[in-house]
Amino acid sequence: MKINVFAEKMKMKILTGNSGLNRDITELYACDLLSFVMSHGSRECGWITIHTHINTVAVALMGEIPCIIVPEGIKEDEMTINKAIEEGIAILSSDENSYNICWKAHEIL
């Protein structure tokens, strides 16, 4: 599913404009241990993390992860957003917690 369609169906806010929205995701991966995400994330996953620092973009790039999802209304760092736009990675924001994001996404992905 295209990231923009996923964001719309999940009622998520897109923080990075049109950057990376034409890429596909087929699953979600929820993890906050960056080294674990680098070794276990996939190139078609939406990565749910509470981290908002610029290192998340580096991890997404290394793992070819197209989409970062920030749960619970956590505010994303502006420098991180700008870097994600530059690198073509979508960042989505949700007021839902990780469990609810995964539960709802299970029904649409």
C-alpha atoms as a PDB file:
ATOM      1  CA  MET A   1       0.000   0.000   0.000  1.00  0.00           C
ATOM      2  CA  LYS A   2       1.285   3.464  -0.837  1.00  0.00           C
ATOM      3  CA  ILE A   3       2.328   5.439   2.237  1.00  0.00           C
ATOM      4  CA  ASN A   4      -0.028   8.312   1.439  1.00  0.00           C
ATOM      5  CA  VAL A   5      -3.000   5.915   1.247  1.00  0.00           C
ATOM      6  CA  PHE A   6      -1.913   4.231   4.479  1.00  0.00           C
ATOM      7  CA  ALA A   7      -1.635   7.610   6.247  1.00  0.00           C
ATOM      8  CA  GLU A   8      -5.092   8.617   5.063  1.00  0.00           C
ATOM      9  CA  LYS A   9      -6.730   5.354   6.128  1.00  0.00           C
ATOM     10  CA  MET A  10      -4.980   5.482   9.506  1.00  0.00           C
ATOM     11  CA  LYS A  11      -5.818   9.183   9.973  1.00  0.00           C
ATOM     12  CA  MET A  12      -2.133  10.030  10.457  1.00  0.00           C
ATOM     13  CA  LYS A  13      -0.538  13.401   9.946  1.00  0.00           C
ATOM     14  CA  ILE A  14       2.166  13.524   7.257  1.00  0.00           C
ATOM     15  CA  LEU A  15       5.088  15.575   8.594  1.00  0.00           C
ATOM     16  CA  THR A  16       7.317  15.448   5.511  1.00  0.00           C
ATOM     17  CA  GLY A  17       5.041  16.836   2.807  1.00  0.00           C
ATOM     18  CA  ASN A  18       5.101  14.709  -0.338  1.00  0.00           C
ATOM     19  CA  SER A  19       8.518  13.229   0.371  1.00  0.00           C
ATOM     20  CA  GLY A  20       8.539   9.438   0.036  1.00  0.00           C
ATOM     21  CA  LEU A  21       4.758   9.069  -0.112  1.00  0.00           C
ATOM     22  CA  ASN A  22       4.794   7.121  -3.377  1.00  0.00           C
ATOM     23  CA  ARG A  23       6.686   4.219  -1.791  1.00  0.00           C
ATOM     24  CA  ASP A  24       4.953   1.055  -0.567  1.00  0.00           C
ATOM     25  CA  ILE A  25       4.667  -0.474   2.871  1.00  0.00           C
ATOM     26  CA  THR A  26       3.353  -3.975   3.487  1.00  0.00           C
ATOM     27  CA  GLU A  27       3.995  -4.326   7.220  1.00  0.00           C
ATOM     28  CA  LEU A  28       4.813  -2.439  10.407  1.00  0.00           C
ATOM     29  CA  TYR A  29       7.780  -2.842  12.697  1.00  0.00           C
ATOM     30  CA  ALA A  30       7.653  -1.409  16.235  1.00  0.00           C
ATOM     31  CA  CYS A  31      11.015  -1.069  17.975  1.00  0.00           C
ATOM     32  CA  ASP A  32      13.069   1.610  19.740  1.00  0.00           C
ATOM     33  CA  LEU A  33      16.441  -0.121  19.796  1.00  0.00           C
ATOM     34  CA  LEU A  34      18.136   1.400  16.744  1.00  0.00           C
ATOM     35  CA  SER A  35      20.679  -1.371  16.213  1.00  0.00           C
ATOM     36  CA  PHE A  36      17.868  -3.934  16.283  1.00  0.00           C
ATOM     37  CA  VAL A  37      15.890  -1.971  13.705  1.00  0.00           C
ATOM     38  CA  MET A  38      18.938  -1.845  11.427  1.00  0.00           C
ATOM     39  CA  SER A  39      19.165  -5.623  11.448  1.00  0.00           C
ATOM     40  CA  HIS A  40      15.448  -6.511  11.478  1.00  0.00           C
ATOM     41  CA  GLY A  41      13.563  -3.767   9.625  1.00  0.00           C
ATOM     42  CA  SER A  42      12.554  -4.314   6.017  1.00  0.00           C
ATOM     43  CA  ARG A  43      12.422  -2.178   2.899  1.00  0.00           C
ATOM     44  CA  GLU A  44       8.626  -2.265   2.904  1.00  0.00           C
ATOM     45  CA  CYS A  45       7.920  -1.588   6.556  1.00  0.00           C
ATOM     46  CA  GLY A  46       6.548   1.350   8.418  1.00  0.00           C
ATOM     47  CA  TRP A  47       8.781   1.739  11.477  1.00  0.00           C
ATOM     48  CA  ILE A  48       7.058   2.817  14.685  1.00  0.00           C
ATOM     49  CA  THR A  49       9.393   4.513  17.165  1.00  0.00           C
ATOM     50  CA  ILE A  50       9.238   7.073  19.956  1.00  0.00           C
ATOM     51  CA  HIS A  51      12.660   8.392  18.933  1.00  0.00           C
ATOM     52  CA  THR A  52      12.605  11.767  17.232  1.00  0.00           C
ATOM     53  CA  HIS A  53      16.294  12.513  16.742  1.00  0.00           C
ATOM     54  CA  ILE A  54      18.071  12.660  13.405  1.00  0.00           C
ATOM     55  CA  ASN A  55      19.605   9.198  13.907  1.00  0.00           C
ATOM     56  CA  THR A  56      16.231   7.680  13.025  1.00  0.00           C
ATOM     57  CA  VAL A  57      16.638   8.947   9.469  1.00  0.00           C
ATOM     58  CA  ALA A  58      20.115   7.397   9.267  1.00  0.00           C
ATOM     59  CA  VAL A  59      18.752   4.070  10.505  1.00  0.00           C
ATOM     60  CA  ALA A  60      15.885   4.209   8.003  1.00  0.00           C
ATOM     61  CA  LEU A  61      18.350   4.915   5.190  1.00  0.00           C
ATOM     62  CA  MET A  62      20.656   2.065   6.165  1.00  0.00           C
ATOM     63  CA  GLY A  63      17.727  -0.358   6.413  1.00  0.00           C
ATOM     64  CA  GLU A  64      15.984   1.027   3.320  1.00  0.00           C
ATOM     65  CA  ILE A  65      12.940   1.682   5.524  1.00  0.00           C
ATOM     66  CA  PRO A  66      10.596   4.049   3.665  1.00  0.00           C
ATOM     67  CA  CYS A  67       8.468   5.336   6.527  1.00  0.00           C
ATOM     68  CA  ILE A  68       8.924   6.369  10.161  1.00  0.00           C
ATOM     69  CA  ILE A  69       5.815   6.541  12.350  1.00  0.00           C
ATOM     70  CA  VAL A  70       5.888   8.547  15.581  1.00  0.00           C
ATOM     71  CA  PRO A  71       3.125   7.445  17.991  1.00  0.00           C
ATOM     72  CA  GLU A  72       1.269   9.083  20.891  1.00  0.00           C
ATOM     73  CA  GLY A  73       1.413  12.616  19.507  1.00  0.00           C
ATOM     74  CA  ILE A  74       5.124  12.871  20.257  1.00  0.00           C
ATOM     75  CA  LYS A  75       6.540  15.984  18.612  1.00  0.00           C
ATOM     76  CA  GLU A  76       9.121  15.284  15.915  1.00  0.00           C
ATOM     77  CA  ASP A  77      12.354  17.284  15.806  1.00  0.00           C
ATOM     78  CA  GLU A  78      12.429  19.856  12.967  1.00  0.00           C
ATOM     79  CA  MET A  79      15.981  18.908  11.941  1.00  0.00           C
ATOM     80  CA  THR A  80      14.870  15.283  11.651  1.00  0.00           C
ATOM     81  CA  ILE A  81      11.897  16.245   9.496  1.00  0.00           C
ATOM     82  CA  ASN A  82      14.101  18.300   7.183  1.00  0.00           C
ATOM     83  CA  LYS A  83      16.639  15.474   6.828  1.00  0.00           C
ATOM     84  CA  ALA A  84      13.867  12.972   6.092  1.00  0.00           C
ATOM     85  CA  ILE A  85      12.509  15.248   3.360  1.00  0.00           C
ATOM     86  CA  GLU A  86      15.998  15.531   1.897  1.00  0.00           C
ATOM     87  CA  GLU A  87      16.412  11.738   1.901  1.00  0.00           C
ATOM     88  CA  GLY A  88      12.918  10.868   0.636  1.00  0.00           C
ATOM     89  CA  ILE A  89      11.698   9.203   3.816  1.00  0.00           C
ATOM     90  CA  ALA A  90       8.140   9.813   4.960  1.00  0.00           C
ATOM     91  CA  ILE A  91       7.483  10.621   8.608  1.00  0.00           C
ATOM     92  CA  LEU A  92       3.952  10.117   9.897  1.00  0.00           C
ATOM     93  CA  SER A  93       2.525  11.147  13.251  1.00  0.00           C
ATOM     94  CA  SER A  94      -0.301   9.513  15.168  1.00  0.00           C
ATOM     95  CA  ASP A  95      -2.019  10.215  18.468  1.00  0.00           C
ATOM     96  CA  GLU A  96      -2.502   6.448  18.859  1.00  0.00           C
ATOM     97  CA  ASN A  97      -0.075   4.254  20.809  1.00  0.00           C
ATOM     98  CA  SER A  98       2.032   1.628  19.040  1.00  0.00           C
ATOM     99  CA  TYR A  99      -0.328  -1.213  19.925  1.00  0.00           C
ATOM    100  CA  ASN A 100      -3.355   0.529  18.442  1.00  0.00           C
ATOM    101  CA  ILE A 101      -1.434   1.543  15.326  1.00  0.00           C
ATOM    102  CA  CYS A 102      -0.406  -2.073  14.750  1.00  0.00           C
ATOM    103  CA  TRP A 103      -3.899  -3.378  15.495  1.00  0.00           C
ATOM    104  CA  LYS A 104      -5.604  -0.994  13.074  1.00  0.00           C
ATOM    105  CA  ALA A 105      -2.915  -1.446  10.403  1.00  0.00           C
ATOM    106  CA  HIS A 106      -3.323  -5.218  10.597  1.00  0.00           C
ATOM    107  CA  GLU A 107      -6.810  -4.815   9.200  1.00  0.00           C
ATOM    108  CA  ILE A 108      -5.785  -2.655   6.213  1.00  0.00           C
ATOM    109  CA  LEU A 109      -2.331  -3.858   5.158  1.00  0.00           C
END
